[in-house]
């Protein structure tokens, strides 16, 4: 099964390269970071207390995130619920 959302992949600049936008604003902490491949929102992963990357997906319906760590290189599609690249 191919992910039709791959056609929407962009590599926008991170809006908050220093970390999760919501955690930074609230003084929260994160485990790992994800970047939205549509708009560049940086949010924390689902192992983090805020789960802001997933919350961004639900609010925006932007389907693809990428790991935002130097040692990880993958893309996840929330809609298809699978790694796509």
Protein backbone atom coordinates (compact mmCIF):
# COMPACT_ATOMS: atom_id res chain seq x y z
CA UNK A 1 0.00 0.00 0.00
CA UNK A 2 1.41 3.35 -1.02
CA UNK A 3 0.84 6.45 1.03
CA UNK A 4 -0.91 9.04 -1.12
CA UNK A 5 0.24 11.72 1.32
CA UNK A 6 3.87 11.41 0.20
CA UNK A 7 2.98 13.71 -2.68
CA UNK A 8 2.39 16.39 -0.01
CA UNK A 9 5.87 16.08 1.51
CA UNK A 10 7.71 19.33 1.93
CA UNK A 11 10.68 20.16 4.08
CA UNK A 12 9.69 23.45 5.69
CA UNK A 13 12.04 25.18 8.08
CA UNK A 14 11.28 24.39 11.72
CA UNK A 15 9.21 27.14 13.31
CA UNK A 16 10.87 26.57 16.69
CA UNK A 17 14.23 24.88 16.03
CA UNK A 18 15.07 25.04 19.74
CA UNK A 19 12.28 22.59 20.66
CA UNK A 20 8.57 21.85 21.01
CA UNK A 21 6.61 25.07 20.52
CA UNK A 22 4.00 24.34 23.18
CA UNK A 23 6.47 22.96 25.74
CA UNK A 24 8.72 25.97 25.29
CA UNK A 25 5.77 28.31 25.85
CA UNK A 26 4.60 26.44 28.97
CA UNK A 27 7.99 25.52 30.40
CA UNK A 28 7.38 21.82 29.74
CA UNK A 29 9.81 19.03 28.90
CA UNK A 30 9.93 16.54 26.05
CA UNK A 31 11.48 13.16 25.28
CA UNK A 32 11.92 13.53 21.50
CA UNK A 33 10.81 15.96 18.82
CA UNK A 34 8.85 15.67 15.57
CA UNK A 35 8.46 18.20 12.76
CA UNK A 36 5.35 18.58 10.61
CA UNK A 37 6.27 18.07 6.97
CA UNK A 38 3.51 20.46 5.89
CA UNK A 39 4.10 23.57 7.98
CA UNK A 40 7.25 23.11 10.09
CA UNK A 41 5.54 22.93 13.50
CA UNK A 42 7.89 21.29 16.01
CA UNK A 43 6.12 19.19 18.61
CA UNK A 44 7.03 16.57 21.17
CA UNK A 45 6.53 12.84 20.62
CA UNK A 46 3.87 10.61 22.17
CA UNK A 47 6.32 9.48 24.87
CA UNK A 48 6.43 13.09 26.07
CA UNK A 49 3.83 14.37 28.55
CA UNK A 50 2.33 16.89 26.11
CA UNK A 51 2.16 14.71 22.96
CA UNK A 52 2.10 17.97 20.99
CA UNK A 53 3.04 16.52 17.59
CA UNK A 54 -0.06 14.31 17.62
CA UNK A 55 -2.20 17.16 18.96
CA UNK A 56 -0.96 19.29 16.05
CA UNK A 57 -2.07 16.58 13.61
CA UNK A 58 -5.57 16.45 15.13
CA UNK A 59 -5.89 20.24 15.03
CA UNK A 60 -4.38 20.79 11.57
CA UNK A 61 -4.95 17.46 9.76
CA UNK A 62 -1.38 17.72 8.39
CA UNK A 63 -0.70 14.01 7.80
CA UNK A 64 3.10 13.66 7.86
CA UNK A 65 5.73 14.15 10.53
CA UNK A 66 9.46 13.52 10.45
CA UNK A 67 11.77 12.77 13.32
CA UNK A 68 13.51 15.94 14.46
CA UNK A 69 16.63 14.34 15.84
CA UNK A 70 20.08 14.09 14.37
CA UNK A 71 20.17 10.31 14.85
CA UNK A 72 16.74 9.50 13.37
CA UNK A 73 15.58 9.69 9.75
CA UNK A 74 11.99 8.58 9.16
CA UNK A 75 8.56 9.92 8.23
CA UNK A 76 5.25 8.81 9.78
CA UNK A 77 1.81 9.19 8.24
CA UNK A 78 -0.89 9.70 10.86
CA UNK A 79 -3.66 8.95 8.36
CA UNK A 80 -2.22 5.65 7.10
CA UNK A 81 -0.70 4.86 10.52
CA UNK A 82 2.65 3.75 9.14
CA UNK A 83 6.21 4.74 8.39
CA UNK A 84 6.46 5.91 4.81
CA UNK A 85 10.05 7.04 4.32
